[in-house]
Amino acid sequence: MPAVPAMAAMPGMINEAQLKQLEGSKGAEFDRLFLTYMIRHHRGAVSMVQDLISAPGAAQDETVFKFASDVNVDQVTEIARMEKMLAALSP
């Protein structure tokens, strides 16, 4: 039986080194890292939505279009919130 190829990481997912860095941080350093990684994660979701919507025929399915649109709006809103929080943490 052929080996199953490894899936590519989803856009915005943190790697093991980043997770360890987050685990080893505290206080404002933790907050900065967490927000930085979460913003990247949410941008990955926006990227996946854009890829989905740009796929031929995808926007024609009402359920898929509504779901993707909702995800996009929610993620963009959260990114803006987290960017404000991150800016407030900066010295």
N, C-alpha and C. Protein backbone atom coordinates (compact mmCIF):
# COMPACT_ATOMS: atom_id res chain seq x y z
N MET A 1 0.85 -1.16 0.00
CA MET A 1 0.00 0.00 0.00
C MET A 1 0.90 1.24 0.00
N PRO A 2 0.63 2.22 -0.89
CA PRO A 2 1.49 3.41 -0.95
C PRO A 2 1.33 4.28 0.28
N ALA A 3 2.41 4.98 0.61
CA ALA A 3 2.37 5.88 1.76
C ALA A 3 1.46 7.06 1.45
N VAL A 4 0.74 7.48 2.46
CA VAL A 4 -0.13 8.65 2.31
C VAL A 4 0.73 9.89 2.45
N PRO A 5 0.67 10.81 1.47
CA PRO A 5 1.51 12.01 1.59
C PRO A 5 1.04 12.87 2.76
N ALA A 6 2.00 13.50 3.42
CA ALA A 6 1.67 14.39 4.53
C ALA A 6 0.92 15.60 4.00
N MET A 7 -0.08 16.03 4.75
CA MET A 7 -0.83 17.22 4.35
C MET A 7 0.02 18.45 4.61
N ALA A 8 -0.08 19.40 3.75
CA ALA A 8 0.59 20.68 3.97
C ALA A 8 -0.09 21.38 5.14
N ALA A 9 0.69 22.05 5.93
CA ALA A 9 0.13 22.78 7.06
C ALA A 9 -0.82 23.85 6.54
N MET A 10 -1.89 24.05 7.27
CA MET A 10 -2.82 25.10 6.91
C MET A 10 -2.13 26.45 7.11
N PRO A 11 -2.47 27.42 6.30
CA PRO A 11 -1.86 28.74 6.47
C PRO A 11 -2.12 29.28 7.87
N GLY A 12 -1.06 29.82 8.48
CA GLY A 12 -1.22 30.45 9.78
C GLY A 12 -1.04 29.54 10.98
N MET A 13 -0.80 28.26 10.75
CA MET A 13 -0.60 27.35 11.88
C MET A 13 0.81 27.53 12.44
N ILE A 14 0.93 27.50 13.76
CA ILE A 14 2.26 27.63 14.35
C ILE A 14 2.97 26.30 14.30
N ASN A 15 4.30 26.36 14.31
CA ASN A 15 5.08 25.13 14.30
C ASN A 15 5.50 24.77 15.73
N GLU A 16 6.19 23.67 15.87
CA GLU A 16 6.59 23.20 17.20
C GLU A 16 7.48 24.21 17.93
N ALA A 17 8.42 24.80 17.21
CA ALA A 17 9.33 25.78 17.83
C ALA A 17 8.55 26.99 18.35
N GLN A 18 7.58 27.45 17.58
CA GLN A 18 6.77 28.59 18.01
C GLN A 18 5.89 28.23 19.20
N LEU A 19 5.37 27.02 19.20
CA LEU A 19 4.55 26.55 20.32
C LEU A 19 5.39 26.49 21.59
N LYS A 20 6.61 25.97 21.49
CA LYS A 20 7.50 25.92 22.66
C LYS A 20 7.85 27.32 23.14
N GLN A 21 8.07 28.24 22.19
CA GLN A 21 8.35 29.62 22.55
C GLN A 21 7.17 30.21 23.31
N LEU A 22 5.98 29.94 22.85
CA LEU A 22 4.77 30.43 23.52
C LEU A 22 4.63 29.81 24.90
N GLU A 23 4.87 28.51 25.00
CA GLU A 23 4.78 27.82 26.28
C GLU A 23 5.78 28.34 27.30
N GLY A 24 6.93 28.79 26.82
CA GLY A 24 7.98 29.26 27.72
C GLY A 24 7.89 30.74 28.06
N SER A 25 6.89 31.41 27.58
CA SER A 25 6.79 32.85 27.83
C SER A 25 5.71 33.14 28.88
N LYS A 26 5.83 34.33 29.46
CA LYS A 26 4.86 34.75 30.49
C LYS A 26 4.58 36.23 30.34
N GLY A 27 3.49 36.66 30.94
CA GLY A 27 3.16 38.08 31.01
C GLY A 27 3.01 38.72 29.64
N ALA A 28 3.58 39.93 29.51
CA ALA A 28 3.44 40.70 28.27
C ALA A 28 4.09 39.98 27.08
N GLU A 29 5.18 39.25 27.35
CA GLU A 29 5.82 38.50 26.25
C GLU A 29 4.86 37.44 25.72
N PHE A 30 4.18 36.72 26.61
CA PHE A 30 3.19 35.73 26.20
C PHE A 30 2.08 36.40 25.39
N ASP A 31 1.57 37.51 25.92
CA ASP A 31 0.48 38.21 25.24
C ASP A 31 0.87 38.63 23.83
N ARG A 32 2.09 39.17 23.67
CA ARG A 32 2.56 39.60 22.35
C ARG A 32 2.66 38.41 21.39
N LEU A 33 3.28 37.34 21.88
CA LEU A 33 3.42 36.16 21.02
C LEU A 33 2.06 35.56 20.67
N PHE A 34 1.21 35.43 21.68
CA PHE A 34 -0.12 34.85 21.44
C PHE A 34 -0.88 35.65 20.40
N LEU A 35 -0.91 36.97 20.58
CA LEU A 35 -1.64 37.80 19.63
C LEU A 35 -1.01 37.75 18.24
N THR A 36 0.31 37.77 18.18
CA THR A 36 1.01 37.69 16.89
C THR A 36 0.66 36.40 16.17
N TYR A 37 0.71 35.29 16.89
CA TYR A 37 0.41 33.99 16.27
C TYR A 37 -1.08 33.86 15.92
N MET A 38 -1.95 34.41 16.76
CA MET A 38 -3.39 34.33 16.47
C MET A 38 -3.75 35.20 15.27
N ILE A 39 -3.13 36.36 15.14
CA ILE A 39 -3.38 37.20 13.97
C ILE A 39 -2.96 36.44 12.71
N ARG A 40 -1.79 35.82 12.77
CA ARG A 40 -1.31 35.03 11.63
C ARG A 40 -2.29 33.88 11.33
N HIS A 41 -2.78 33.23 12.38
CA HIS A 41 -3.72 32.12 12.23
C HIS A 41 -5.02 32.59 11.56
N HIS A 42 -5.54 33.72 12.02
CA HIS A 42 -6.77 34.26 11.44
C HIS A 42 -6.55 34.70 9.99
N ARG A 43 -5.39 35.26 9.71
CA ARG A 43 -5.08 35.62 8.31
C ARG A 43 -5.03 34.37 7.44
N GLY A 44 -4.58 33.26 8.01
CA GLY A 44 -4.59 32.00 7.28
C GLY A 44 -6.00 31.58 6.92
N ALA A 45 -6.94 31.78 7.84
CA ALA A 45 -8.34 31.46 7.56
C ALA A 45 -8.88 32.34 6.44
N VAL A 46 -8.54 33.63 6.48
CA VAL A 46 -8.98 34.54 5.43
C VAL A 46 -8.41 34.10 4.08
N SER A 47 -7.16 33.68 4.08
CA SER A 47 -6.52 33.19 2.86
C SER A 47 -7.24 31.95 2.31
N MET A 48 -7.61 31.04 3.21
CA MET A 48 -8.32 29.83 2.77
C MET A 48 -9.69 30.18 2.20
N VAL A 49 -10.37 31.15 2.82
CA VAL A 49 -11.67 31.59 2.30
C VAL A 49 -11.50 32.18 0.91
N GLN A 50 -10.48 33.00 0.73
CA GLN A 50 -10.24 33.60 -0.59
C GLN A 50 -9.96 32.53 -1.63
N ASP A 51 -9.18 31.51 -1.24
CA ASP A 51 -8.90 30.41 -2.16
C ASP A 51 -10.19 29.67 -2.52
N LEU A 52 -11.04 29.45 -1.53
CA LEU A 52 -12.30 28.75 -1.76
C LEU A 52 -13.21 29.54 -2.70
N ILE A 53 -13.39 30.81 -2.40
CA ILE A 53 -14.29 31.64 -3.20
C ILE A 53 -13.77 31.80 -4.64
N SER A 54 -12.46 31.79 -4.81
CA SER A 54 -11.91 31.95 -6.16
C SER A 54 -11.94 30.65 -6.96
N ALA A 55 -12.28 29.54 -6.32
CA ALA A 55 -12.38 28.27 -7.04
C ALA A 55 -13.60 28.30 -7.96
N PRO A 56 -13.46 27.82 -9.16
CA PRO A 56 -14.58 27.85 -10.11
C PRO A 56 -15.83 27.18 -9.54
N GLY A 57 -16.93 27.92 -9.55
CA GLY A 57 -18.21 27.38 -9.12
C GLY A 57 -18.47 27.44 -7.62
N ALA A 58 -17.46 27.71 -6.82
CA ALA A 58 -17.64 27.67 -5.36
C ALA A 58 -18.63 28.72 -4.89
N ALA A 59 -18.57 29.90 -5.45
CA ALA A 59 -19.45 30.98 -5.00
C ALA A 59 -20.89 30.76 -5.45
N GLN A 60 -21.12 29.77 -6.28
CA GLN A 60 -22.48 29.50 -6.76
C GLN A 60 -23.28 28.68 -5.76
N ASP A 61 -22.60 27.99 -4.85
CA ASP A 61 -23.30 27.22 -3.83
C ASP A 61 -23.63 28.17 -2.67
N GLU A 62 -24.92 28.39 -2.43
CA GLU A 62 -25.35 29.37 -1.44
C GLU A 62 -24.82 29.08 -0.04
N THR A 63 -24.84 27.83 0.37
CA THR A 63 -24.39 27.47 1.71
C THR A 63 -22.89 27.72 1.86
N VAL A 64 -22.12 27.31 0.87
CA VAL A 64 -20.67 27.51 0.92
C VAL A 64 -20.35 29.00 0.91
N PHE A 65 -21.04 29.75 0.05
CA PHE A 65 -20.79 31.18 -0.04
C PHE A 65 -21.11 31.89 1.28
N LYS A 66 -22.25 31.55 1.90
CA LYS A 66 -22.64 32.17 3.16
C LYS A 66 -21.63 31.82 4.26
N PHE A 67 -21.28 30.56 4.34
CA PHE A 67 -20.31 30.14 5.36
C PHE A 67 -18.98 30.85 5.17
N ALA A 68 -18.48 30.86 3.96
CA ALA A 68 -17.19 31.50 3.67
C ALA A 68 -17.25 33.00 3.96
N SER A 69 -18.35 33.62 3.59
CA SER A 69 -18.50 35.06 3.85
C SER A 69 -18.52 35.34 5.34
N ASP A 70 -19.24 34.53 6.10
CA ASP A 70 -19.30 34.70 7.56
C ASP A 70 -17.92 34.51 8.19
N VAL A 71 -17.21 33.48 7.76
CA VAL A 71 -15.86 33.24 8.28
C VAL A 71 -14.97 34.43 7.97
N ASN A 72 -15.04 34.93 6.75
CA ASN A 72 -14.21 36.06 6.35
C ASN A 72 -14.48 37.28 7.24
N VAL A 73 -15.74 37.64 7.40
CA VAL A 73 -16.09 38.81 8.21
C VAL A 73 -15.65 38.61 9.66
N ASP A 74 -15.92 37.45 10.22
CA ASP A 74 -15.53 37.19 11.61
C ASP A 74 -14.02 37.27 11.80
N GLN A 75 -13.28 36.66 10.89
CA GLN A 75 -11.83 36.63 11.04
C GLN A 75 -11.20 38.01 10.85
N VAL A 76 -11.69 38.77 9.88
CA VAL A 76 -11.18 40.12 9.64
C VAL A 76 -11.47 41.00 10.86
N THR A 77 -12.66 40.85 11.44
CA THR A 77 -13.02 41.61 12.64
C THR A 77 -12.10 41.25 13.81
N GLU A 78 -11.86 39.98 14.00
CA GLU A 78 -10.98 39.53 15.08
C GLU A 78 -9.55 40.00 14.87
N ILE A 79 -9.09 39.99 13.64
CA ILE A 79 -7.74 40.48 13.33
C ILE A 79 -7.62 41.94 13.75
N ALA A 80 -8.60 42.75 13.39
CA ALA A 80 -8.57 44.18 13.74
C ALA A 80 -8.54 44.35 15.26
N ARG A 81 -9.34 43.57 15.98
CA ARG A 81 -9.36 43.63 17.45
C ARG A 81 -8.00 43.27 18.03
N MET A 82 -7.45 42.18 17.53
CA MET A 82 -6.17 41.72 18.08
C MET A 82 -5.04 42.66 17.72
N GLU A 83 -5.09 43.28 16.55
CA GLU A 83 -4.06 44.26 16.19
C GLU A 83 -4.09 45.46 17.15
N LYS A 84 -5.29 45.88 17.55
CA LYS A 84 -5.41 46.97 18.52
C LYS A 84 -4.85 46.54 19.88
N MET A 85 -5.14 45.33 20.28
CA MET A 85 -4.63 44.81 21.54
C MET A 85 -3.11 44.74 21.51
N LEU A 86 -2.57 44.26 20.40
CA LEU A 86 -1.13 44.14 20.24
C LEU A 86 -0.47 45.52 20.26
N ALA A 87 -1.06 46.47 19.61
CA ALA A 87 -0.52 47.83 19.59
C ALA A 87 -0.51 48.43 21.00
N ALA A 88 -1.51 48.11 21.79
CA ALA A 88 -1.60 48.61 23.15
C ALA A 88 -0.50 48.01 24.04
N LEU A 89 -0.01 46.83 23.68
CA LEU A 89 1.04 46.17 24.46
C LEU A 89 2.43 46.70 24.13
N SER A 90 2.58 47.26 22.95
CA SER A 90 3.90 47.71 22.52
C SER A 90 4.40 48.83 23.41
N PRO A 91 5.72 48.80 23.73
CA PRO A 91 6.27 49.83 24.64
C PRO A 91 6.25 51.22 24.05
